[in-house]
Amino acid sequence: NLDPLTETYGIPFYLQYLAHWPEYFIVAEAPGGELMGYIMGKAEGSVAREEWHGHVTALSVAPEFRRLGLAAKLMELLEEISERYEESTFQGY
């Protein structure tokens, strides 16, 4: 991870998330290829009850890229993805 406060998970955990919710993995990369930050999440809820929401599992920004609004932008992108996911899930109900 990019900081010691972000929880580190095992490889199987990351692979499970990536297999089920690939659109919920977003990486911010600097022009030189350096990792600036990332967010990972998943969709939770019930189609039957028409309750769905996005869940943030991890959000991390490298110290040298903090105070630039990057975490807010990553959250905004995840929220947009969650809204699109919800709309496509409930279409036709």
PDB file of N, CA and C in Angstrom:
ATOM      1  N   ASN A   1       0.824  -1.185   0.000  1.00  0.00           N
ATOM      2  CA  ASN A   1       0.000   0.000   0.000  1.00  0.00           C
ATOM      3  C   ASN A   1       0.868   1.247   0.000  1.00  0.00           C
ATOM      4  N   LEU A   2       0.224   2.362  -0.208  1.00  0.00           N
ATOM      5  CA  LEU A   2       0.955   3.622  -0.317  1.00  0.00           C
ATOM      6  C   LEU A   2       1.216   4.292   1.022  1.00  0.00           C
ATOM      7  N   ASP A   3       0.613   3.779   2.079  1.00  0.00           N
ATOM      8  CA  ASP A   3       0.857   4.308   3.419  1.00  0.00           C
ATOM      9  C   ASP A   3       0.621   3.195   4.440  1.00  0.00           C
ATOM     10  N   PRO A   4       1.191   3.335   5.634  1.00  0.00           N
ATOM     11  CA  PRO A   4       1.060   2.268   6.636  1.00  0.00           C
ATOM     12  C   PRO A   4      -0.330   2.174   7.263  1.00  0.00           C
ATOM     13  N   LEU A   5      -1.199   3.146   7.041  1.00  0.00           N
ATOM     14  CA  LEU A   5      -2.525   3.134   7.654  1.00  0.00           C
ATOM     15  C   LEU A   5      -3.568   2.389   6.822  1.00  0.00           C
ATOM     16  N   THR A   6      -3.277   2.148   5.554  1.00  0.00           N
ATOM     17  CA  THR A   6      -4.201   1.410   4.697  1.00  0.00           C
ATOM     18  C   THR A   6      -3.998  -0.078   4.927  1.00  0.00           C
ATOM     19  N   GLU A   7      -5.088  -0.770   5.186  1.00  0.00           N
ATOM     20  CA  GLU A   7      -4.997  -2.204   5.458  1.00  0.00           C
ATOM     21  C   GLU A   7      -4.502  -2.957   4.226  1.00  0.00           C
ATOM     22  N   THR A   8      -3.619  -3.905   4.450  1.00  0.00           N
ATOM     23  CA  THR A   8      -3.105  -4.754   3.384  1.00  0.00           C
ATOM     24  C   THR A   8      -3.820  -6.090   3.447  1.00  0.00           C
ATOM     25  N   TYR A   9      -4.323  -6.531   2.298  1.00  0.00           N
ATOM     26  CA  TYR A   9      -5.046  -7.797   2.208  1.00  0.00           C
ATOM     27  C   TYR A   9      -4.180  -8.816   1.488  1.00  0.00           C
ATOM     28  N   GLY A  10      -4.571 -10.073   1.589  1.00  0.00           N
ATOM     29  CA  GLY A  10      -3.868 -11.129   0.880  1.00  0.00           C
ATOM     30  C   GLY A  10      -4.228 -11.123  -0.599  1.00  0.00           C
ATOM     31  N   ILE A  11      -3.376 -11.712  -1.414  1.00  0.00           N
ATOM     32  CA  ILE A  11      -3.589 -11.774  -2.861  1.00  0.00           C
ATOM     33  C   ILE A  11      -4.956 -12.371  -3.215  1.00  0.00           C
ATOM     34  N   PRO A  12      -5.402 -13.469  -2.568  1.00  0.00           N
ATOM     35  CA  PRO A  12      -6.728 -14.017  -2.912  1.00  0.00           C
ATOM     36  C   PRO A  12      -7.863 -13.007  -2.711  1.00  0.00           C
ATOM     37  N   PHE A  13      -7.743 -12.171  -1.704  1.00  0.00           N
ATOM     38  CA  PHE A  13      -8.763 -11.147  -1.451  1.00  0.00           C
ATOM     39  C   PHE A  13      -8.834 -10.166  -2.617  1.00  0.00           C
ATOM     40  N   TYR A  14      -7.678  -9.654  -3.052  1.00  0.00           N
ATOM     41  CA  TYR A  14      -7.641  -8.719  -4.174  1.00  0.00           C
ATOM     42  C   TYR A  14      -8.157  -9.375  -5.449  1.00  0.00           C
ATOM     43  N   LEU A  15      -7.776 -10.617  -5.688  1.00  0.00           N
ATOM     44  CA  LEU A  15      -8.221 -11.322  -6.892  1.00  0.00           C
ATOM     45  C   LEU A  15      -9.725 -11.539  -6.896  1.00  0.00           C
ATOM     46  N   GLN A  16     -10.290 -11.838  -5.733  1.00  0.00           N
ATOM     47  CA  GLN A  16     -11.738 -12.018  -5.634  1.00  0.00           C
ATOM     48  C   GLN A  16     -12.453 -10.712  -5.995  1.00  0.00           C
ATOM     49  N   TYR A  17     -11.997  -9.617  -5.448  1.00  0.00           N
ATOM     50  CA  TYR A  17     -12.598  -8.317  -5.761  1.00  0.00           C
ATOM     51  C   TYR A  17     -12.442  -7.997  -7.247  1.00  0.00           C
ATOM     52  N   LEU A  18     -11.260  -8.223  -7.772  1.00  0.00           N
ATOM     53  CA  LEU A  18     -10.992  -7.918  -9.173  1.00  0.00           C
ATOM     54  C   LEU A  18     -11.855  -8.766 -10.097  1.00  0.00           C
ATOM     55  N   ALA A  19     -12.095 -10.017  -9.729  1.00  0.00           N
ATOM     56  CA  ALA A  19     -12.928 -10.906 -10.549  1.00  0.00           C
ATOM     57  C   ALA A  19     -14.400 -10.499 -10.509  1.00  0.00           C
ATOM     58  N   HIS A  20     -14.889 -10.075  -9.358  1.00  0.00           N
ATOM     59  CA  HIS A  20     -16.306  -9.745  -9.207  1.00  0.00           C
ATOM     60  C   HIS A  20     -16.643  -8.290  -9.538  1.00  0.00           C
ATOM     61  N   TRP A  21     -15.751  -7.367  -9.224  1.00  0.00           N
ATOM     62  CA  TRP A  21     -16.044  -5.936  -9.393  1.00  0.00           C
ATOM     63  C   TRP A  21     -14.870  -5.207 -10.046  1.00  0.00           C
ATOM     64  N   PRO A  22     -14.473  -5.588 -11.254  1.00  0.00           N
ATOM     65  CA  PRO A  22     -13.295  -4.944 -11.872  1.00  0.00           C
ATOM     66  C   PRO A  22     -13.479  -3.448 -12.097  1.00  0.00           C
ATOM     67  N   GLU A  23     -14.720  -3.015 -12.331  1.00  0.00           N
ATOM     68  CA  GLU A  23     -14.963  -1.591 -12.565  1.00  0.00           C
ATOM     69  C   GLU A  23     -14.790  -0.764 -11.295  1.00  0.00           C
ATOM     70  N   TYR A  24     -14.731  -1.418 -10.149  1.00  0.00           N
ATOM     71  CA  TYR A  24     -14.573  -0.726  -8.868  1.00  0.00           C
ATOM     72  C   TYR A  24     -13.103  -0.595  -8.446  1.00  0.00           C
ATOM     73  N   PHE A  25     -12.177  -0.897  -9.345  1.00  0.00           N
ATOM     74  CA  PHE A  25     -10.748  -0.680  -9.108  1.00  0.00           C
ATOM     75  C   PHE A  25     -10.314   0.498  -9.966  1.00  0.00           C
ATOM     76  N   ILE A  26      -9.857   1.558  -9.340  1.00  0.00           N
ATOM     77  CA  ILE A  26      -9.424   2.743 -10.076  1.00  0.00           C
ATOM     78  C   ILE A  26      -8.024   3.114  -9.586  1.00  0.00           C
ATOM     79  N   VAL A  27      -7.122   3.333 -10.532  1.00  0.00           N
ATOM     80  CA  VAL A  27      -5.741   3.684 -10.209  1.00  0.00           C
ATOM     81  C   VAL A  27      -5.432   5.048 -10.806  1.00  0.00           C
ATOM     82  N   ALA A  28      -4.787   5.907 -10.046  1.00  0.00           N
ATOM     83  CA  ALA A  28      -4.307   7.201 -10.538  1.00  0.00           C
ATOM     84  C   ALA A  28      -2.800   7.084 -10.722  1.00  0.00           C
ATOM     85  N   GLU A  29      -2.353   7.366 -11.932  1.00  0.00           N
ATOM     86  CA  GLU A  29      -0.944   7.205 -12.271  1.00  0.00           C
ATOM     87  C   GLU A  29      -0.375   8.534 -12.759  1.00  0.00           C
ATOM     88  N   ALA A  30       0.812   8.884 -12.288  1.00  0.00           N
ATOM     89  CA  ALA A  30       1.491  10.106 -12.721  1.00  0.00           C
ATOM     90  C   ALA A  30       1.991   9.924 -14.155  1.00  0.00           C
ATOM     91  N   PRO A  31       2.253  11.023 -14.875  1.00  0.00           N
ATOM     92  CA  PRO A  31       2.736  10.907 -16.257  1.00  0.00           C
ATOM     93  C   PRO A  31       3.973  10.018 -16.406  1.00  0.00           C
ATOM     94  N   GLY A  32       4.820   9.972 -15.393  1.00  0.00           N
ATOM     95  CA  GLY A  32       6.015   9.133 -15.452  1.00  0.00           C
ATOM     96  C   GLY A  32       5.765   7.680 -15.087  1.00  0.00           C
ATOM     97  N   GLY A  33       4.511   7.337 -14.791  1.00  0.00           N
ATOM     98  CA  GLY A  33       4.161   5.961 -14.459  1.00  0.00           C
ATOM     99  C   GLY A  33       4.117   5.664 -12.971  1.00  0.00           C
ATOM    100  N   GLU A  34       4.427   6.651 -12.147  1.00  0.00           N
ATOM    101  CA  GLU A  34       4.422   6.452 -10.695  1.00  0.00           C
ATOM    102  C   GLU A  34       2.985   6.357 -10.178  1.00  0.00           C
ATOM    103  N   LEU A  35       2.752   5.439  -9.260  1.00  0.00           N
ATOM    104  CA  LEU A  35       1.431   5.265  -8.672  1.00  0.00           C
ATOM    105  C   LEU A  35       1.137   6.423  -7.721  1.00  0.00           C
ATOM    106  N   MET A  36       0.072   7.161  -8.011  1.00  0.00           N
ATOM    107  CA  MET A  36      -0.317   8.299  -7.180  1.00  0.00           C
ATOM    108  C   MET A  36      -1.305   7.875  -6.100  1.00  0.00           C
ATOM    109  N   GLY A  37      -2.236   7.007  -6.474  1.00  0.00           N
ATOM    110  CA  GLY A  37      -3.253   6.559  -5.536  1.00  0.00           C
ATOM    111  C   GLY A  37      -4.159   5.531  -6.173  1.00  0.00           C
ATOM    112  N   TYR A  38      -5.006   4.946  -5.353  1.00  0.00           N
ATOM    113  CA  TYR A  38      -5.968   3.976  -5.868  1.00  0.00           C
ATOM    114  C   TYR A  38      -7.163   3.898  -4.929  1.00  0.00           C
ATOM    115  N   ILE A  39      -8.248   3.367  -5.477  1.00  0.00           N
ATOM    116  CA  ILE A  39      -9.435   3.069  -4.690  1.00  0.00           C
ATOM    117  C   ILE A  39      -9.962   1.728  -5.173  1.00  0.00           C
ATOM    118  N   MET A  40     -10.427   0.936  -4.242  1.00  0.00           N
ATOM    119  CA  MET A  40     -11.068  -0.325  -4.615  1.00  0.00           C
ATOM    120  C   MET A  40     -12.346  -0.453  -3.810  1.00  0.00           C
ATOM    121  N   GLY A  41     -13.342  -1.030  -4.433  1.00  0.00           N
ATOM    122  CA  GLY A  41     -14.623  -1.179  -3.763  1.00  0.00           C
ATOM    123  C   GLY A  41     -15.416  -2.322  -4.342  1.00  0.00           C
ATOM    124  N   LYS A  42     -16.686  -2.349  -3.987  1.00  0.00           N
ATOM    125  CA  LYS A  42     -17.574  -3.392  -4.489  1.00  0.00           C
ATOM    126  C   LYS A  42     -19.004  -2.885  -4.441  1.00  0.00           C
ATOM    127  N   ALA A  43     -19.884  -3.637  -5.087  1.00  0.00           N
ATOM    128  CA  ALA A  43     -21.312  -3.342  -5.058  1.00  0.00           C
ATOM    129  C   ALA A  43     -21.957  -4.250  -4.027  1.00  0.00           C
ATOM    130  N   GLU A  44     -22.833  -3.673  -3.219  1.00  0.00           N
ATOM    131  CA  GLU A  44     -23.548  -4.440  -2.197  1.00  0.00           C
ATOM    132  C   GLU A  44     -25.030  -4.124  -2.295  1.00  0.00           C
ATOM    133  N   GLY A  45     -25.855  -5.103  -1.974  1.00  0.00           N
ATOM    134  CA  GLY A  45     -27.281  -4.848  -1.928  1.00  0.00           C
ATOM    135  C   GLY A  45     -28.104  -6.022  -2.392  1.00  0.00           C
ATOM    136  N   SER A  46     -29.339  -5.719  -2.778  1.00  0.00           N
ATOM    137  CA  SER A  46     -30.305  -6.734  -3.165  1.00  0.00           C
ATOM    138  C   SER A  46     -31.107  -6.251  -4.365  1.00  0.00           C
ATOM    139  N   VAL A  47     -31.085  -7.027  -5.434  1.00  0.00           N
ATOM    140  CA  VAL A  47     -31.885  -6.698  -6.606  1.00  0.00           C
ATOM    141  C   VAL A  47     -33.361  -6.828  -6.264  1.00  0.00           C
ATOM    142  N   ALA A  48     -33.724  -7.850  -5.505  1.00  0.00           N
ATOM    143  CA  ALA A  48     -35.126  -8.089  -5.146  1.00  0.00           C
ATOM    144  C   ALA A  48     -35.721  -6.901  -4.391  1.00  0.00           C
ATOM    145  N   ARG A  49     -34.941  -6.310  -3.505  1.00  0.00           N
ATOM    146  CA  ARG A  49     -35.440  -5.167  -2.723  1.00  0.00           C
ATOM    147  C   ARG A  49     -35.103  -3.827  -3.377  1.00  0.00           C
ATOM    148  N   GLU A  50     -34.424  -3.899  -4.507  1.00  0.00           N
ATOM    149  CA  GLU A  50     -33.987  -2.697  -5.230  1.00  0.00           C
ATOM    150  C   GLU A  50     -33.163  -1.772  -4.339  1.00  0.00           C
ATOM    151  N   GLU A  51     -32.305  -2.380  -3.548  1.00  0.00           N
ATOM    152  CA  GLU A  51     -31.378  -1.637  -2.688  1.00  0.00           C
ATOM    153  C   GLU A  51     -29.964  -1.973  -3.136  1.00  0.00           C
ATOM    154  N   TRP A  52     -29.250  -0.982  -3.554  1.00  0.00           N
ATOM    155  CA  TRP A  52     -27.898  -1.223  -4.035  1.00  0.00           C
ATOM    156  C   TRP A  52     -27.041  -0.021  -3.687  1.00  0.00           C
ATOM    157  N   HIS A  53     -25.788  -0.268  -3.349  1.00  0.00           N
ATOM    158  CA  HIS A  53     -24.869   0.839  -3.083  1.00  0.00           C
ATOM    159  C   HIS A  53     -23.435   0.380  -3.302  1.00  0.00           C
ATOM    160  N   GLY A  54     -22.566   1.345  -3.491  1.00  0.00           N
ATOM    161  CA  GLY A  54     -21.149   1.056  -3.598  1.00  0.00           C
ATOM    162  C   GLY A  54     -20.513   1.069  -2.218  1.00  0.00           C
ATOM    163  N   HIS A  55     -19.503   0.237  -2.045  1.00  0.00           N
ATOM    164  CA  HIS A  55     -18.792   0.135  -0.770  1.00  0.00           C
ATOM    165  C   HIS A  55     -17.315   0.384  -1.037  1.00  0.00           C
ATOM    166  N   VAL A  56     -16.710   1.311  -0.321  1.00  0.00           N
ATOM    167  CA  VAL A  56     -15.278   1.581  -0.441  1.00  0.00           C
ATOM    168  C   VAL A  56     -14.535   0.631   0.482  1.00  0.00           C
ATOM    169  N   THR A  57     -13.671  -0.183  -0.096  1.00  0.00           N
ATOM    170  CA  THR A  57     -12.884  -1.137   0.678  1.00  0.00           C
ATOM    171  C   THR A  57     -11.534  -0.544   1.058  1.00  0.00           C
ATOM    172  N   ALA A  58     -10.909   0.159   0.132  1.00  0.00           N
ATOM    173  CA  ALA A  58      -9.607   0.775   0.406  1.00  0.00           C
ATOM    174  C   ALA A  58      -9.428   2.009  -0.470  1.00  0.00           C
ATOM    175  N   LEU A  59      -8.824   3.021   0.101  1.00  0.00           N
ATOM    176  CA  LEU A  59      -8.477   4.251  -0.609  1.00  0.00           C
ATOM    177  C   LEU A  59      -7.122   4.685  -0.071  1.00  0.00           C
ATOM    178  N   SER A  60      -6.171   4.865  -0.972  1.00  0.00           N
ATOM    179  CA  SER A  60      -4.828   5.228  -0.537  1.00  0.00           C
ATOM    180  C   SER A  60      -4.209   6.196  -1.543  1.00  0.00           C
ATOM    181  N   VAL A  61      -3.540   7.214  -1.030  1.00  0.00           N
ATOM    182  CA  VAL A  61      -2.842   8.195  -1.862  1.00  0.00           C
ATOM    183  C   VAL A  61      -1.411   8.299  -1.342  1.00  0.00           C
ATOM    184  N   ALA A  62      -0.456   8.242  -2.253  1.00  0.00           N
ATOM    185  CA  ALA A  62       0.954   8.361  -1.876  1.00  0.00           C
ATOM    186  C   ALA A  62       1.194   9.726  -1.224  1.00  0.00           C
ATOM    187  N   PRO A  63       2.029   9.777  -0.189  1.00  0.00           N
ATOM    188  CA  PRO A  63       2.260  11.038   0.539  1.00  0.00           C
ATOM    189  C   PRO A  63       2.626  12.225  -0.355  1.00  0.00           C
ATOM    190  N   GLU A  64       3.428  12.002  -1.371  1.00  0.00           N
ATOM    191  CA  GLU A  64       3.852  13.118  -2.227  1.00  0.00           C
ATOM    192  C   GLU A  64       2.741  13.646  -3.137  1.00  0.00           C
ATOM    193  N   PHE A  65       1.607  12.943  -3.207  1.00  0.00           N
ATOM    194  CA  PHE A  65       0.491  13.388  -4.042  1.00  0.00           C
ATOM    195  C   PHE A  65      -0.725  13.795  -3.212  1.00  0.00           C
ATOM    196  N   ARG A  66      -0.551  13.956  -1.928  1.00  0.00           N
ATOM    197  CA  ARG A  66      -1.654  14.377  -1.069  1.00  0.00           C
ATOM    198  C   ARG A  66      -1.873  15.886  -1.166  1.00  0.00           C
ATOM    199  N   ARG A  67      -3.036  16.321  -0.733  1.00  0.00           N
ATOM    200  CA  ARG A  67      -3.435  17.734  -0.739  1.00  0.00           C
ATOM    201  C   ARG A  67      -3.641  18.273  -2.158  1.00  0.00           C
ATOM    202  N   LEU A  68      -3.917  17.362  -3.097  1.00  0.00           N
ATOM    203  CA  LEU A  68      -4.187  17.760  -4.478  1.00  0.00           C
ATOM    204  C   LEU A  68      -5.637  17.478  -4.869  1.00  0.00           C
ATOM    205  N   GLY A  69      -6.406  16.926  -3.950  1.00  0.00           N
ATOM    206  CA  GLY A  69      -7.789  16.571  -4.256  1.00  0.00           C
ATOM    207  C   GLY A  69      -7.943  15.208  -4.907  1.00  0.00           C
ATOM    208  N   LEU A  70      -6.872  14.428  -4.910  1.00  0.00           N
ATOM    209  CA  LEU A  70      -6.902  13.127  -5.577  1.00  0.00           C
ATOM    210  C   LEU A  70      -7.868  12.153  -4.907  1.00  0.00           C
ATOM    211  N   ALA A  71      -7.868  12.095  -3.591  1.00  0.00           N
ATOM    212  CA  ALA A  71      -8.782  11.185  -2.879  1.00  0.00           C
ATOM    213  C   ALA A  71     -10.236  11.552  -3.173  1.00  0.00           C
ATOM    214  N   ALA A  72     -10.535  12.839  -3.195  1.00  0.00           N
ATOM    215  CA  ALA A  72     -11.900  13.288  -3.505  1.00  0.00           C
ATOM    216  C   ALA A  72     -12.288  12.882  -4.923  1.00  0.00           C
ATOM    217  N   LYS A  73     -11.366  13.007  -5.866  1.00  0.00           N
ATOM    218  CA  LYS A  73     -11.643  12.626  -7.257  1.00  0.00           C
ATOM    219  C   LYS A  73     -11.868  11.120  -7.367  1.00  0.00           C
ATOM    220  N   LEU A  74     -11.060  10.330  -6.675  1.00  0.00           N
ATOM    221  CA  LEU A  74     -11.242   8.873  -6.699  1.00  0.00           C
ATOM    222  C   LEU A  74     -12.601   8.492  -6.117  1.00  0.00           C
ATOM    223  N   MET A  75     -12.992   9.149  -5.032  1.00  0.00           N
ATOM    224  CA  MET A  75     -14.310   8.895  -4.438  1.00  0.00           C
ATOM    225  C   MET A  75     -15.422   9.278  -5.411  1.00  0.00           C
ATOM    226  N   GLU A  76     -15.264  10.393  -6.081  1.00  0.00           N
ATOM    227  CA  GLU A  76     -16.260  10.848  -7.059  1.00  0.00           C
ATOM    228  C   GLU A  76     -16.411   9.825  -8.190  1.00  0.00           C
ATOM    229  N   LEU A  77     -15.298   9.313  -8.684  1.00  0.00           N
ATOM    230  CA  LEU A  77     -15.338   8.316  -9.754  1.00  0.00           C
ATOM    231  C   LEU A  77     -16.019   7.034  -9.291  1.00  0.00           C
ATOM    232  N   LEU A  78     -15.723   6.596  -8.075  1.00  0.00           N
ATOM    233  CA  LEU A  78     -16.356   5.383  -7.555  1.00  0.00           C
ATOM    234  C   LEU A  78     -17.858   5.597  -7.386  1.00  0.00           C
ATOM    235  N   GLU A  79     -18.246   6.783  -6.958  1.00  0.00           N
ATOM    236  CA  GLU A  79     -19.670   7.093  -6.816  1.00  0.00           C
ATOM    237  C   GLU A  79     -20.371   7.049  -8.177  1.00  0.00           C
ATOM    238  N   GLU A  80     -19.742   7.601  -9.214  1.00  0.00           N
ATOM    239  CA  GLU A  80     -20.316   7.564 -10.560  1.00  0.00           C
ATOM    240  C   GLU A  80     -20.481   6.126 -11.043  1.00  0.00           C
ATOM    241  N   ILE A  81     -19.478   5.304 -10.800  1.00  0.00           N
ATOM    242  CA  ILE A  81     -19.550   3.895 -11.195  1.00  0.00           C
ATOM    243  C   ILE A  81     -20.685   3.206 -10.453  1.00  0.00           C
ATOM    244  N   SER A  82     -20.823   3.489  -9.172  1.00  0.00           N
ATOM    245  CA  SER A  82     -21.892   2.887  -8.368  1.00  0.00           C
ATOM    246  C   SER A  82     -23.262   3.285  -8.892  1.00  0.00           C
ATOM    247  N   GLU A  83     -23.420   4.543  -9.262  1.00  0.00           N
ATOM    248  CA  GLU A  83     -24.707   5.010  -9.789  1.00  0.00           C
ATOM    249  C   GLU A  83     -25.035   4.332 -11.113  1.00  0.00           C
ATOM    250  N   ARG A  84     -24.052   4.188 -11.993  1.00  0.00           N
ATOM    251  CA  ARG A  84     -24.281   3.495 -13.270  1.00  0.00           C
ATOM    252  C   ARG A  84     -24.614   2.035 -13.032  1.00  0.00           C
ATOM    253  N   TYR A  85     -23.919   1.408 -12.089  1.00  0.00           N
ATOM    254  CA  TYR A  85     -24.164   0.001 -11.767  1.00  0.00           C
ATOM    255  C   TYR A  85     -25.588  -0.175 -11.255  1.00  0.00           C
ATOM    256  N   GLU A  86     -26.015   0.720 -10.380  1.00  0.00           N
ATOM    257  CA  GLU A  86     -27.365   0.650  -9.819  1.00  0.00           C
ATOM    258  C   GLU A  86     -28.410   0.821 -10.915  1.00  0.00           C
ATOM    259  N   GLU A  87     -28.214   1.780 -11.804  1.00  0.00           N
ATOM    260  CA  GLU A  87     -29.165   2.012 -12.889  1.00  0.00           C
ATOM    261  C   GLU A  87     -29.274   0.798 -13.797  1.00  0.00           C
ATOM    262  N   SER A  88     -28.152   0.180 -14.140  1.00  0.00           N
ATOM    263  CA  SER A  88     -28.194  -0.985 -15.026  1.00  0.00           C
ATOM    264  C   SER A  88     -28.765  -2.206 -14.319  1.00  0.00           C
ATOM    265  N   THR A  89     -28.580  -2.317 -13.012  1.00  0.00           N
ATOM    266  CA  THR A  89     -29.088  -3.458 -12.253  1.00  0.00           C
ATOM    267  C   THR A  89     -30.598  -3.413 -12.142  1.00  0.00           C
ATOM    268  N   PHE A  90     -31.161  -2.231 -11.962  1.00  0.00           N
ATOM    269  CA  PHE A  90     -32.601  -2.118 -11.737  1.00  0.00           C
ATOM    270  C   PHE A  90     -33.383  -1.818 -13.006  1.00  0.00           C
ATOM    271  N   GLN A  91     -32.722  -1.775 -14.131  1.00  0.00           N
ATOM    272  CA  GLN A  91     -33.411  -1.504 -15.382  1.00  0.00           C
ATOM    273  C   GLN A  91     -34.437  -2.605 -15.643  1.00  0.00           C
ATOM    274  N   GLY A  92     -35.655  -2.228 -15.903  1.00  0.00           N
ATOM    275  CA  GLY A  92     -36.695  -3.208 -16.193  1.00  0.00           C
ATOM    276  C   GLY A  92     -37.522  -3.591 -14.988  1.00  0.00           C
ATOM    277  N   TYR A  93     -37.170  -3.097 -13.810  1.00  0.00           N
ATOM    278  CA  TYR A  93     -37.953  -3.421 -12.612  1.00  0.00           C
ATOM    279  C   TYR A  93     -39.017  -2.383 -12.397  1.00  0.00           C
TER     280      TYR A  93
END
